[in-house]
Amino acid sequence: MSNALSRALETRDWLLTDGATGTNLFNMGLQSGDAPEFWNEIERDKIRKLHQDAVDAGSDLFLTNSFGANASRLKLHDAGHRAYELSKLAAELGREIADKSDRDIIVAGSVGPTGEIMGAAGSLSHESAVEMFEETAKGLMDGGADVLWVETISAPEEFRAAAEAFANIDAPWCGTMSFDSAGRTMMGVTSVQLVDLVASLPNQPVAFGANCGVGASDLLRTLKGFASKEGNVPLIAKANAGIPQYVDGAIHYNGTPELMADYAVLARDAGARIIGGCCGTLPSHLRAMRDILENSERGDSPTLELIAERIGGFSSETDGTEVGGGVAATPARRSRRRRSSGDDSSGEKSCDCC
């Protein structure tokens, strides 16, 4: 399949994505409980700034402001009927910023989880999920997205439904799950199980990987789990900027630009081809990541011990794959190097959403 992302990966060793959407929009005035997708209509200049800041910081790719633009999540704001419309607006704003850049920028249409539970324990059917994802996907592609990007998924059933929906409209796509429960997703998927899931799909993604989760160290351990299985699909690493902390009534992330630069190099060396940040990641982090990726040589895949020393220990003793192979367990421990200091010393507030 020929698409902008695949073509970029043919000529580039790595690509830098953007940072957080939610964190940066909260810094612009978004209030807790508001639907960010409404800003595609009522705060267009702020969404343009969100994307322009990423491009100016060095991102080769950014995600649209459409994480919650599906009927299930929007119905909480009496806007379930506007999923296609708000998704299309999100992609149009992204396309506008990408097209005026003097370098090639890829617009990835963000597709978040439905917020409902599938399978025997839930009420959302496969057919309904596919229909919901397809509506959002159509809006994004009609608005000018280069590729679809389903993210922060926990359930394999939902990942399969998204893949089927994207196949229905013949759209290229990427997919990431969030591993935040001792190396597993909330629904129990391990890194190596995601590799097997991707291999089983008739509609293969352009790339897959992990986003969000706990912190950068944990995500790198998950990335090593992906790389421990043979495969030809490029890997994605999009970690949070450090660990969330509740300070003065708001969530802050303690990762400095220096820490995220270290993480970016370790992610590249561990096998990631597409590298970026998730919650808490600001333009200052992206600039540091771009600089070090451009000015350092690829090294050997880092050991778990090196990851822990460079950017901090792990939140759990195992990564979920200790039975049946995968990455070996390692004790959680503190970093020996000081890599965090509050909230990037910027005074900007952060949130715990993507």
Protein backbone atom coordinates (compact mmCIF):
# COMPACT_ATOMS: atom_id res chain seq x y z
CA MET A 1 0.00 0.00 0.00
CA SER A 2 1.44 3.36 -1.04
CA ASN A 3 0.85 6.15 1.47
CA ALA A 4 2.77 9.08 2.90
CA LEU A 5 3.85 7.27 6.05
CA SER A 6 5.07 4.14 4.26
CA ARG A 7 7.02 6.27 1.80
CA ALA A 8 8.64 8.21 4.64
CA LEU A 9 9.64 4.99 6.39
CA GLU A 10 11.29 3.77 3.19
CA THR A 11 13.74 6.68 3.24
CA ARG A 12 14.06 7.57 6.93
CA ASP A 13 15.62 5.62 9.79
CA TRP A 14 13.26 7.25 12.28
CA LEU A 15 10.36 9.70 12.37
CA LEU A 16 9.43 12.03 15.23
CA THR A 17 5.75 12.30 16.12
CA ASP A 18 4.09 14.99 18.20
CA GLY A 19 3.53 15.18 21.95
CA ALA A 20 0.42 15.36 24.11
CA THR A 21 -2.87 16.69 22.79
CA GLY A 22 -4.75 16.92 26.07
CA THR A 23 -1.89 18.40 28.09
CA ASN A 24 -1.21 21.12 25.55
CA LEU A 25 -4.90 21.97 25.11
CA PHE A 26 -5.33 22.26 28.87
CA ASN A 27 -2.43 24.68 28.86
CA MET A 28 -4.43 26.70 26.30
CA GLY A 29 -7.54 26.80 28.48
CA LEU A 30 -9.47 23.58 27.92
CA GLN A 31 -11.45 22.76 31.04
CA SER A 32 -11.85 19.38 32.70
CA GLY A 33 -14.94 17.63 31.35
CA ASP A 34 -14.97 19.55 28.06
CA ALA A 35 -14.85 17.65 24.78
CA PRO A 36 -11.62 18.75 23.01
CA GLU A 37 -13.19 17.87 19.66
CA PHE A 38 -15.55 20.86 19.92
CA TRP A 39 -12.48 23.08 19.67
CA ASN A 40 -12.15 21.99 16.02
CA GLU A 41 -15.15 24.25 15.49
CA ILE A 42 -15.05 26.95 18.16
CA GLU A 43 -11.29 27.34 18.87
CA ARG A 44 -9.73 26.64 15.48
CA ASP A 45 -6.75 28.93 15.98
CA LYS A 46 -5.78 27.03 19.14
CA ILE A 47 -5.90 23.73 17.29
CA ARG A 48 -3.81 25.25 14.51
CA LYS A 49 -1.33 26.35 17.17
CA LEU A 50 -1.27 22.86 18.69
CA HIS A 51 -0.17 21.40 15.36
CA GLN A 52 2.10 24.28 14.39
CA ASP A 53 3.95 24.02 17.70
CA ALA A 54 4.65 20.35 16.99
CA VAL A 55 5.91 21.09 13.48
CA ASP A 56 8.09 23.96 14.73
CA ALA A 57 9.55 21.65 17.40
CA GLY A 58 10.60 19.16 14.73
CA SER A 59 7.76 16.65 14.44
CA ASP A 60 7.51 14.79 11.14
CA LEU A 61 4.03 13.60 11.98
CA PHE A 62 1.22 14.83 14.22
CA LEU A 63 -2.10 13.42 15.36
CA THR A 64 -5.37 15.24 14.79
CA ASN A 65 -7.59 16.50 17.61
CA SER A 66 -10.09 13.66 17.23
CA PHE A 67 -9.24 11.19 20.01
CA GLY A 68 -12.81 11.18 21.31
CA ALA A 69 -14.59 11.84 18.00
CA ASN A 70 -16.72 8.73 17.96
CA ALA A 71 -20.44 8.37 18.53
CA SER A 72 -20.07 6.64 21.88
CA ARG A 73 -17.85 9.26 23.50
CA LEU A 74 -19.54 12.24 21.88
CA LYS A 75 -22.99 11.14 23.03
CA LEU A 76 -21.84 12.06 26.54
CA HIS A 77 -21.91 15.65 25.25
CA ASP A 78 -25.18 15.21 23.29
CA ALA A 79 -23.17 15.15 20.07
CA GLY A 80 -23.08 11.49 19.09
CA HIS A 81 -24.50 12.42 15.69
CA ARG A 82 -21.51 14.69 14.94
CA ALA A 83 -18.71 12.11 14.86
CA TYR A 84 -18.12 12.33 11.11
CA GLU A 85 -18.36 16.12 11.07
CA LEU A 86 -15.97 16.77 13.96
CA SER A 87 -13.50 14.18 12.67
CA LYS A 88 -13.48 15.81 9.24
CA LEU A 89 -12.91 19.25 10.80
CA ALA A 90 -10.00 17.85 12.83
CA ALA A 91 -8.29 16.49 9.72
CA GLU A 92 -8.91 19.66 7.72
CA LEU A 93 -7.17 21.76 10.37
CA GLY A 94 -4.25 19.36 10.45
CA ARG A 95 -4.00 19.29 6.67
CA GLU A 96 -3.91 23.10 6.61
CA ILE A 97 -0.86 23.21 8.88
CA ALA A 98 0.93 20.34 7.15
CA ASP A 99 0.44 21.77 3.66
CA LYS A 100 1.97 25.13 4.48
CA SER A 101 5.15 23.59 5.91
CA ASP A 102 8.36 23.72 3.89
CA ARG A 103 8.98 20.03 4.61
CA ASP A 104 6.84 16.91 4.34
CA ILE A 105 4.53 16.53 7.34
CA ILE A 106 2.26 13.53 7.82
CA VAL A 107 -1.25 14.06 9.22
CA ALA A 108 -2.37 11.08 11.30
CA GLY A 109 -6.05 10.85 12.11
CA SER A 110 -6.32 10.05 15.82
CA VAL A 111 -8.93 7.39 16.65
CA GLY A 112 -9.39 6.72 20.35
CA PRO A 113 -11.23 3.89 22.09
CA THR A 114 -15.02 3.86 22.17
CA GLY A 115 -15.13 3.94 25.96
CA GLU A 116 -17.37 0.86 25.97
CA ILE A 117 -16.54 -2.76 26.76
CA MET A 118 -16.61 -5.44 24.09
CA GLY A 119 -16.70 -9.21 24.39
CA ALA A 120 -18.59 -11.39 26.84
CA ALA A 121 -18.13 -8.89 29.67
CA GLY A 122 -19.45 -5.92 27.73
CA SER A 123 -22.40 -4.60 25.77
CA LEU A 124 -20.72 -3.30 22.61
CA SER A 125 -20.95 -5.72 19.70
CA HIS A 126 -18.23 -6.17 17.10
CA GLU A 127 -20.55 -4.91 14.38
CA SER A 128 -21.41 -1.75 16.31
CA ALA A 129 -17.77 -1.04 17.08
CA VAL A 130 -16.80 -1.45 13.42
CA GLU A 131 -19.58 0.92 12.39
CA MET A 132 -18.49 3.47 14.98
CA PHE A 133 -14.82 3.35 13.97
CA GLU A 134 -15.71 3.50 10.29
CA GLU A 135 -17.72 6.69 10.74
CA THR A 136 -14.81 8.42 12.45
CA ALA A 137 -12.34 7.05 9.92
CA LYS A 138 -14.35 8.32 6.96
CA GLY A 139 -14.46 11.79 8.44
CA LEU A 140 -10.72 11.85 9.00
CA MET A 141 -9.83 10.57 5.54
CA ASP A 142 -12.34 12.89 3.85
CA GLY A 143 -10.77 15.76 5.77
CA GLY A 144 -7.33 14.99 4.39
CA ALA A 145 -5.59 12.67 6.88
CA ASP A 146 -2.71 10.68 5.38
CA VAL A 147 -3.11 7.73 7.72
CA LEU A 148 -5.41 6.61 10.52
CA TRP A 149 -3.94 6.11 14.00
CA VAL A 150 -5.94 4.16 16.57
CA GLU A 151 -4.41 4.69 20.02
CA THR A 152 -4.67 3.94 23.74
CA ILE A 153 -6.48 0.66 23.07
CA SER A 154 -6.69 -1.98 25.80
CA ALA A 155 -8.89 -4.74 24.36
CA PRO A 156 -7.91 -6.99 21.45
CA GLU A 157 -11.54 -7.05 20.31
CA GLU A 158 -11.51 -3.28 19.90
CA PHE A 159 -8.18 -3.36 18.03
CA ARG A 160 -9.63 -5.92 15.59
CA ALA A 161 -12.80 -3.88 15.11
CA ALA A 162 -10.78 -0.77 14.26
CA ALA A 163 -8.64 -2.72 11.79
CA GLU A 164 -11.75 -4.05 10.06
CA ALA A 165 -13.30 -0.59 9.89
CA PHE A 166 -10.18 0.85 8.27
CA ALA A 167 -10.12 -2.02 5.78
CA ASN A 168 -13.71 -1.26 4.85
CA ILE A 169 -12.66 2.17 3.56
CA ASP A 170 -9.28 0.99 2.25
CA ALA A 171 -7.33 3.37 4.50
CA PRO A 172 -3.74 2.90 5.78
CA TRP A 173 -3.48 2.79 9.54
CA CYS A 174 -1.30 2.49 12.63
CA GLY A 175 -2.26 1.17 16.03
CA THR A 176 -0.99 1.48 19.59
CA MET A 177 -2.12 -0.08 22.84
CA SER A 178 -1.54 1.30 26.33
CA PHE A 179 0.36 -1.02 28.67
CA ASP A 180 -0.25 0.29 32.16
CA SER A 181 -0.90 -2.71 34.39
CA ALA A 182 2.38 -4.50 35.18
CA GLY A 183 3.31 -4.70 31.53
CA ARG A 184 -0.20 -5.52 30.33
CA THR A 185 -3.06 -3.48 28.99
CA MET A 186 -6.09 -2.99 31.21
CA MET A 187 -7.63 -6.01 29.47
CA GLY A 188 -4.55 -8.17 30.02
CA VAL A 189 -2.76 -8.00 26.67
CA THR A 190 1.04 -8.32 26.81
CA SER A 191 3.55 -6.90 24.37
CA VAL A 192 4.19 -10.25 22.69
CA GLN A 193 0.46 -10.91 22.46
CA LEU A 194 0.01 -7.65 20.56
CA VAL A 195 2.68 -8.79 18.10
CA ASP A 196 0.71 -12.00 17.54
CA LEU A 197 -2.53 -10.05 17.22
CA VAL A 198 -1.06 -7.77 14.56
CA ALA A 199 0.29 -10.78 12.65
CA SER A 200 -3.19 -12.32 12.62
CA LEU A 201 -4.91 -9.31 11.04
CA PRO A 202 -5.82 -9.51 7.35
CA ASN A 203 -5.46 -5.72 7.16
CA GLN A 204 -1.89 -5.12 8.32
CA PRO A 205 -1.00 -1.75 9.90
CA VAL A 206 1.78 0.46 8.55
CA ALA A 207 3.22 0.44 12.08
CA PHE A 208 2.17 -0.54 15.59
CA GLY A 209 3.36 -0.12 19.15
CA ALA A 210 2.60 1.46 22.50
CA ASN A 211 1.51 4.83 23.80
CA CYS A 212 0.75 6.36 27.19
CA GLY A 213 1.00 3.78 30.00
CA VAL A 214 2.95 4.57 33.15
CA GLY A 215 6.28 6.16 32.31
CA ALA A 216 9.02 6.11 29.70
CA SER A 217 10.93 3.23 31.32
CA ASP A 218 7.91 0.94 31.30
CA LEU A 219 7.13 1.77 27.70
CA LEU A 220 10.70 0.94 26.67
CA ARG A 221 10.41 -2.43 28.39
CA THR A 222 7.22 -3.03 26.39
CA LEU A 223 9.03 -1.99 23.23
CA LYS A 224 11.70 -4.58 23.93
CA GLY A 225 8.90 -7.12 24.24
CA PHE A 226 7.73 -6.25 20.73
CA ALA A 227 11.27 -6.48 19.39
CA SER A 228 11.79 -9.91 20.98
CA LYS A 229 9.37 -11.35 18.42
CA GLU A 230 10.38 -11.45 14.78
CA GLY A 231 8.35 -9.17 12.56
CA ASN A 232 8.58 -6.74 9.68
CA VAL A 233 6.09 -4.11 10.82
CA PRO A 234 7.76 -0.89 12.06
CA LEU A 235 7.40 -0.17 15.77
CA ILE A 236 5.98 2.93 17.49
CA ALA A 237 7.00 4.33 20.89
CA LYS A 238 4.99 7.23 22.30
CA ALA A 239 5.72 7.48 26.04
CA ASN A 240 4.45 9.84 28.69
CA ALA A 241 6.82 12.60 29.78
CA GLY A 242 7.78 11.05 33.08
CA ILE A 243 5.44 10.06 35.89
CA PRO A 244 2.18 11.92 36.68
CA GLN A 245 2.03 13.69 40.03
CA TYR A 246 -0.91 15.49 41.61
CA VAL A 247 0.28 18.98 42.58
CA ASP A 248 -1.82 22.01 43.54
CA GLY A 249 -5.03 20.49 42.23
CA ALA A 250 -3.68 19.39 38.84
CA ILE A 251 -1.79 16.53 37.25
CA HIS A 252 1.82 17.35 36.36
CA TYR A 253 4.42 15.19 34.63
CA ASN A 254 7.93 15.19 36.04
CA GLY A 255 9.84 14.41 32.86
CA THR A 256 12.31 17.05 31.70
CA PRO A 257 13.40 17.58 28.08
CA GLU A 258 16.67 15.90 29.05
CA LEU A 259 14.85 12.77 30.21
CA MET A 260 12.73 12.62 27.05
CA ALA A 261 15.83 13.05 24.90
CA ASP A 262 17.39 10.05 26.66
CA TYR A 263 14.17 8.11 26.15
CA ALA A 264 14.08 8.96 22.43
CA VAL A 265 17.58 7.56 21.86
CA LEU A 266 16.84 4.43 23.89
CA ALA A 267 13.58 3.92 21.95
CA ARG A 268 15.40 4.21 18.64
CA ASP A 269 18.10 1.80 19.76
CA ALA A 270 15.46 -0.64 21.04
CA GLY A 271 13.91 -0.80 17.58
CA ALA A 272 11.32 1.97 17.31
CA ARG A 273 11.04 3.65 13.92
CA ILE A 274 8.35 6.15 14.97
CA ILE A 275 9.10 7.97 18.23
CA GLY A 276 7.15 10.61 20.11
CA GLY A 277 5.57 11.57 23.39
CA CYS A 278 2.17 11.16 24.97
CA CYS A 279 0.74 12.73 28.14
CA GLY A 280 2.76 15.63 29.50
CA THR A 281 4.93 15.99 26.39
CA LEU A 282 5.39 19.64 25.44
CA PRO A 283 7.15 21.29 22.47
CA SER A 284 10.23 21.75 24.65
CA HIS A 285 10.45 17.98 25.03
CA LEU A 286 10.05 17.45 21.29
CA ARG A 287 12.84 19.90 20.45
CA ALA A 288 15.22 18.04 22.74
CA MET A 289 14.18 14.71 21.24
CA ARG A 290 14.68 15.93 17.68
CA ASP A 291 18.08 17.38 18.48
CA ILE A 292 19.48 14.23 20.02
CA LEU A 293 18.04 11.92 17.36
CA GLU A 294 19.66 14.01 14.65
CA ASN A 295 23.01 14.21 16.42
CA SER A 296 23.61 10.73 17.77
CA GLU A 297 24.41 7.40 16.18
CA ARG A 298 22.27 4.31 16.60
CA GLY A 299 23.57 1.99 19.30
CA ASP A 300 22.88 -1.52 20.55
CA SER A 301 19.48 -2.31 22.01
CA PRO A 302 19.57 -1.12 25.63
CA THR A 303 19.40 -3.60 28.48
CA LEU A 304 16.74 -3.22 31.14
CA GLU A 305 19.50 -2.28 33.58
CA LEU A 306 20.66 0.55 31.30
CA ILE A 307 17.09 1.83 30.87
CA ALA A 308 16.59 1.89 34.63
CA GLU A 309 19.87 3.73 35.17
CA ARG A 310 19.31 6.27 32.41
CA ILE A 311 15.68 7.26 32.91
CA GLY A 312 14.37 5.53 36.02
CA GLY A 313 13.15 2.21 37.38
CA PHE A 314 10.07 0.27 36.38
CA SER A 315 6.68 0.44 38.07
CA SER A 316 6.46 -3.35 38.43
CA GLU A 317 8.86 -6.25 38.74
CA THR A 318 7.59 -8.00 35.60
CA ASP A 319 6.46 -6.97 32.14
CA GLY A 320 3.72 -9.58 31.88
CA THR A 321 5.66 -11.86 29.52
CA GLU A 322 7.64 -13.90 32.03
CA VAL A 323 5.55 -17.00 31.25
CA GLY A 324 6.22 -18.33 27.77
CA GLY A 325 9.12 -16.06 26.83
CA GLY A 326 9.51 -12.37 26.17
CA VAL A 327 11.52 -9.88 28.18
CA ALA A 328 12.86 -11.12 31.48
CA ALA A 329 11.59 -9.68 34.72
CA THR A 330 13.64 -7.04 36.48
CA PRO A 331 13.19 -5.40 39.87
CA ALA A 332 11.80 -1.90 40.02
CA ARG A 333 14.41 0.58 41.15
CA ARG A 334 15.20 4.24 41.18
CA SER A 335 17.30 5.98 38.57
CA ARG A 336 20.89 6.77 39.50
CA ARG A 337 20.76 9.94 37.46
CA ARG A 338 18.60 12.93 38.20
CA ARG A 339 16.36 13.38 35.18
CA SER A 340 13.25 15.08 36.50
CA SER A 341 12.45 18.30 38.24
CA GLY A 342 8.81 19.10 38.71
CA ASP A 343 6.89 19.97 35.55
CA ASP A 344 9.64 20.88 33.10
CA SER A 345 10.26 23.97 35.27
CA SER A 346 7.72 25.73 33.09
CA GLY A 347 4.85 26.30 35.47
CA GLU A 348 2.51 24.96 32.80
CA LYS A 349 -0.25 22.69 33.99
CA SER A 350 -0.72 19.22 32.57
CA CYS A 351 -3.47 16.63 32.47
CA ASP A 352 -3.57 12.86 32.38
CA CYS A 353 -5.17 12.46 28.95
CA CYS A 354 -3.62 12.00 25.54
